[in-house]
Amino acid sequence: MLGFTAYDLALIILCPLGAAIGSFAHIISLCIDLKGPPRSEDEMTEASPRLQEIRGAWMGLRMMLSAVAGLVVGLYFLA
């Protein structure tokens, strides 16, 4: 297809996917307490619906930006 090998297509698909997954993993590490799990329900707090909406948009945009960067890296290796 368009002169691309299977390796080229894998780069174009998997680099953005890997970057988005890596970004999601980093988001998780930013949002949780890395010292350990919560030990009581008093330590747990829930964000308001508005804050959840804003965080969801932020997460989506961050992962999209990572996917674009991953695509650029994949295309760089094609050249």
N, C-alpha and C. Protein backbone atom coordinates (compact mmCIF):
# COMPACT_ATOMS: atom_id res chain seq x y z
N MET A 1 0.85 -1.19 0.00
CA MET A 1 0.00 0.00 0.00
C MET A 1 0.89 1.24 0.00
N LEU A 2 0.86 1.99 -1.06
CA LEU A 2 1.62 3.23 -1.22
C LEU A 2 3.11 3.04 -1.03
N GLY A 3 3.61 1.84 -1.23
CA GLY A 3 5.04 1.57 -1.11
C GLY A 3 5.52 1.39 0.31
N PHE A 4 4.62 1.30 1.28
CA PHE A 4 5.01 1.09 2.67
C PHE A 4 5.17 -0.40 2.94
N THR A 5 6.17 -0.74 3.70
CA THR A 5 6.33 -2.12 4.14
C THR A 5 5.51 -2.33 5.41
N ALA A 6 5.43 -3.57 5.83
CA ALA A 6 4.71 -3.87 7.08
C ALA A 6 5.40 -3.17 8.25
N TYR A 7 6.71 -3.07 8.23
CA TYR A 7 7.46 -2.39 9.28
C TYR A 7 7.10 -0.91 9.32
N ASP A 8 6.98 -0.28 8.14
CA ASP A 8 6.61 1.14 8.07
C ASP A 8 5.22 1.37 8.66
N LEU A 9 4.29 0.52 8.30
CA LEU A 9 2.92 0.66 8.83
C LEU A 9 2.88 0.43 10.33
N ALA A 10 3.68 -0.52 10.80
CA ALA A 10 3.74 -0.77 12.24
C ALA A 10 4.27 0.46 12.97
N LEU A 11 5.28 1.11 12.42
CA LEU A 11 5.81 2.33 13.03
C LEU A 11 4.75 3.42 13.08
N ILE A 12 4.03 3.60 11.99
CA ILE A 12 3.03 4.66 11.91
C ILE A 12 1.88 4.41 12.89
N ILE A 13 1.56 3.17 13.13
CA ILE A 13 0.44 2.84 14.02
C ILE A 13 0.88 2.72 15.48
N LEU A 14 1.98 2.02 15.71
CA LEU A 14 2.36 1.69 17.09
C LEU A 14 3.07 2.82 17.82
N CYS A 15 3.77 3.70 17.12
CA CYS A 15 4.43 4.82 17.81
C CYS A 15 3.41 5.75 18.47
N PRO A 16 2.37 6.20 17.76
CA PRO A 16 1.37 7.03 18.44
C PRO A 16 0.63 6.29 19.54
N LEU A 17 0.33 5.02 19.31
CA LEU A 17 -0.37 4.23 20.32
C LEU A 17 0.49 4.08 21.58
N GLY A 18 1.75 3.77 21.40
CA GLY A 18 2.66 3.64 22.54
C GLY A 18 2.84 4.95 23.28
N ALA A 19 2.92 6.06 22.53
CA ALA A 19 3.07 7.36 23.17
C ALA A 19 1.83 7.72 23.99
N ALA A 20 0.65 7.43 23.46
CA ALA A 20 -0.59 7.73 24.19
C ALA A 20 -0.69 6.87 25.44
N ILE A 21 -0.32 5.60 25.35
CA ILE A 21 -0.35 4.72 26.53
C ILE A 21 0.67 5.19 27.56
N GLY A 22 1.85 5.60 27.11
CA GLY A 22 2.86 6.12 28.02
C GLY A 22 2.40 7.39 28.71
N SER A 23 1.70 8.24 27.97
CA SER A 23 1.16 9.47 28.55
C SER A 23 0.11 9.14 29.61
N PHE A 24 -0.73 8.14 29.32
CA PHE A 24 -1.75 7.73 30.29
C PHE A 24 -1.10 7.19 31.56
N ALA A 25 -0.03 6.41 31.40
CA ALA A 25 0.69 5.89 32.57
C ALA A 25 1.28 7.04 33.38
N HIS A 26 1.78 8.05 32.72
CA HIS A 26 2.34 9.20 33.44
C HIS A 26 1.23 9.97 34.16
N ILE A 27 0.07 10.10 33.53
CA ILE A 27 -1.07 10.75 34.18
C ILE A 27 -1.45 10.01 35.46
N ILE A 28 -1.46 8.69 35.39
CA ILE A 28 -1.79 7.90 36.57
C ILE A 28 -0.78 8.15 37.68
N SER A 29 0.51 8.19 37.32
CA SER A 29 1.52 8.41 38.35
C SER A 29 1.44 9.82 38.94
N LEU A 30 0.92 10.78 38.18
CA LEU A 30 0.73 12.13 38.70
C LEU A 30 -0.46 12.21 39.66
N CYS A 31 -1.48 11.39 39.40
CA CYS A 31 -2.73 11.51 40.14
C CYS A 31 -2.80 10.66 41.40
N ILE A 32 -1.97 9.64 41.51
CA ILE A 32 -2.07 8.79 42.69
C ILE A 32 -0.94 9.12 43.67
N ASP A 33 -1.15 8.71 44.91
CA ASP A 33 -0.13 8.86 45.94
C ASP A 33 0.83 7.69 45.80
N LEU A 34 2.06 7.98 45.42
CA LEU A 34 3.02 6.92 45.16
C LEU A 34 3.60 6.30 46.43
N LYS A 35 3.27 6.87 47.59
CA LYS A 35 3.79 6.32 48.85
C LYS A 35 3.09 5.02 49.24
N GLY A 36 1.90 4.82 48.75
CA GLY A 36 1.17 3.59 49.07
C GLY A 36 -0.31 3.77 48.86
N PRO A 37 -1.06 2.70 49.00
CA PRO A 37 -2.51 2.78 48.80
C PRO A 37 -3.18 3.49 49.98
N PRO A 38 -4.38 4.00 49.79
CA PRO A 38 -5.11 4.61 50.91
C PRO A 38 -5.36 3.56 52.00
N ARG A 39 -5.24 3.99 53.23
CA ARG A 39 -5.42 3.06 54.33
C ARG A 39 -6.77 3.21 55.03
N SER A 40 -7.48 4.28 54.74
CA SER A 40 -8.82 4.46 55.30
C SER A 40 -9.65 5.26 54.31
N GLU A 41 -10.96 5.21 54.50
CA GLU A 41 -11.85 5.94 53.61
C GLU A 41 -11.74 7.44 53.79
N ASP A 42 -11.24 7.88 54.95
CA ASP A 42 -11.07 9.31 55.19
C ASP A 42 -10.01 9.93 54.29
N GLU A 43 -9.07 9.11 53.81
CA GLU A 43 -8.01 9.60 52.93
C GLU A 43 -8.51 9.80 51.51
N MET A 44 -9.63 9.21 51.17
CA MET A 44 -10.16 9.28 49.80
C MET A 44 -11.02 10.53 49.62
N THR A 45 -10.82 11.21 48.52
CA THR A 45 -11.66 12.34 48.16
C THR A 45 -12.10 12.17 46.71
N GLU A 46 -13.26 12.67 46.40
CA GLU A 46 -13.78 12.57 45.04
C GLU A 46 -13.92 13.97 44.47
N ALA A 47 -13.47 14.14 43.24
CA ALA A 47 -13.55 15.44 42.58
C ALA A 47 -14.99 15.74 42.21
N SER A 48 -15.30 17.02 42.13
CA SER A 48 -16.64 17.44 41.72
C SER A 48 -16.86 17.05 40.25
N PRO A 49 -18.12 16.94 39.82
CA PRO A 49 -18.38 16.60 38.42
C PRO A 49 -17.73 17.59 37.44
N ARG A 50 -17.72 18.86 37.77
CA ARG A 50 -17.08 19.86 36.89
C ARG A 50 -15.57 19.62 36.79
N LEU A 51 -14.93 19.34 37.92
CA LEU A 51 -13.50 19.07 37.91
C LEU A 51 -13.19 17.77 37.17
N GLN A 52 -14.05 16.77 37.31
CA GLN A 52 -13.88 15.53 36.57
C GLN A 52 -13.95 15.78 35.07
N GLU A 53 -14.86 16.64 34.65
CA GLU A 53 -15.00 16.98 33.23
C GLU A 53 -13.75 17.68 32.72
N ILE A 54 -13.24 18.62 33.49
CA ILE A 54 -12.04 19.36 33.09
C ILE A 54 -10.84 18.42 33.03
N ARG A 55 -10.71 17.56 34.02
CA ARG A 55 -9.59 16.60 34.02
C ARG A 55 -9.69 15.64 32.84
N GLY A 56 -10.90 15.21 32.52
CA GLY A 56 -11.08 14.33 31.37
C GLY A 56 -10.64 14.99 30.07
N ALA A 57 -11.01 16.26 29.91
CA ALA A 57 -10.60 17.00 28.71
C ALA A 57 -9.08 17.15 28.69
N TRP A 58 -8.49 17.46 29.84
CA TRP A 58 -7.04 17.62 29.92
C TRP A 58 -6.34 16.31 29.57
N MET A 59 -6.85 15.20 30.10
CA MET A 59 -6.25 13.89 29.82
C MET A 59 -6.35 13.56 28.33
N GLY A 60 -7.51 13.82 27.74
CA GLY A 60 -7.69 13.54 26.31
C GLY A 60 -6.74 14.36 25.45
N LEU A 61 -6.62 15.65 25.77
CA LEU A 61 -5.74 16.52 24.99
C LEU A 61 -4.28 16.12 25.17
N ARG A 62 -3.90 15.77 26.39
CA ARG A 62 -2.52 15.36 26.64
C ARG A 62 -2.18 14.08 25.88
N MET A 63 -3.10 13.12 25.90
CA MET A 63 -2.86 11.87 25.18
C MET A 63 -2.85 12.10 23.68
N MET A 64 -3.68 13.03 23.18
CA MET A 64 -3.68 13.34 21.75
C MET A 64 -2.35 13.98 21.35
N LEU A 65 -1.86 14.89 22.18
CA LEU A 65 -0.58 15.53 21.90
C LEU A 65 0.55 14.48 21.89
N SER A 66 0.51 13.54 22.80
CA SER A 66 1.50 12.47 22.83
C SER A 66 1.41 11.60 21.59
N ALA A 67 0.20 11.32 21.15
CA ALA A 67 0.02 10.51 19.94
C ALA A 67 0.58 11.23 18.72
N VAL A 68 0.38 12.53 18.64
CA VAL A 68 0.94 13.31 17.52
C VAL A 68 2.46 13.27 17.57
N ALA A 69 3.03 13.42 18.76
CA ALA A 69 4.49 13.34 18.91
C ALA A 69 4.98 11.96 18.53
N GLY A 70 4.25 10.92 18.90
CA GLY A 70 4.61 9.56 18.52
C GLY A 70 4.55 9.35 17.01
N LEU A 71 3.57 9.95 16.36
CA LEU A 71 3.47 9.88 14.91
C LEU A 71 4.67 10.56 14.25
N VAL A 72 5.06 11.70 14.78
CA VAL A 72 6.23 12.41 14.24
C VAL A 72 7.47 11.54 14.38
N VAL A 73 7.65 10.90 15.52
CA VAL A 73 8.81 10.02 15.71
C VAL A 73 8.75 8.85 14.73
N GLY A 74 7.57 8.25 14.57
CA GLY A 74 7.42 7.15 13.62
C GLY A 74 7.74 7.57 12.20
N LEU A 75 7.26 8.75 11.81
CA LEU A 75 7.54 9.24 10.45
C LEU A 75 9.01 9.60 10.29
N TYR A 76 9.63 10.05 11.37
CA TYR A 76 11.06 10.36 11.32
C TYR A 76 11.87 9.11 10.95
N PHE A 77 11.49 7.97 11.51
CA PHE A 77 12.21 6.75 11.23
C PHE A 77 11.91 6.19 9.84
N LEU A 78 10.84 6.64 9.21
CA LEU A 78 10.54 6.21 7.85
C LEU A 78 11.43 6.90 6.83
N ALA A 79 11.84 8.12 7.15
CA ALA A 79 12.61 8.91 6.17
C ALA A 79 14.01 8.41 5.99
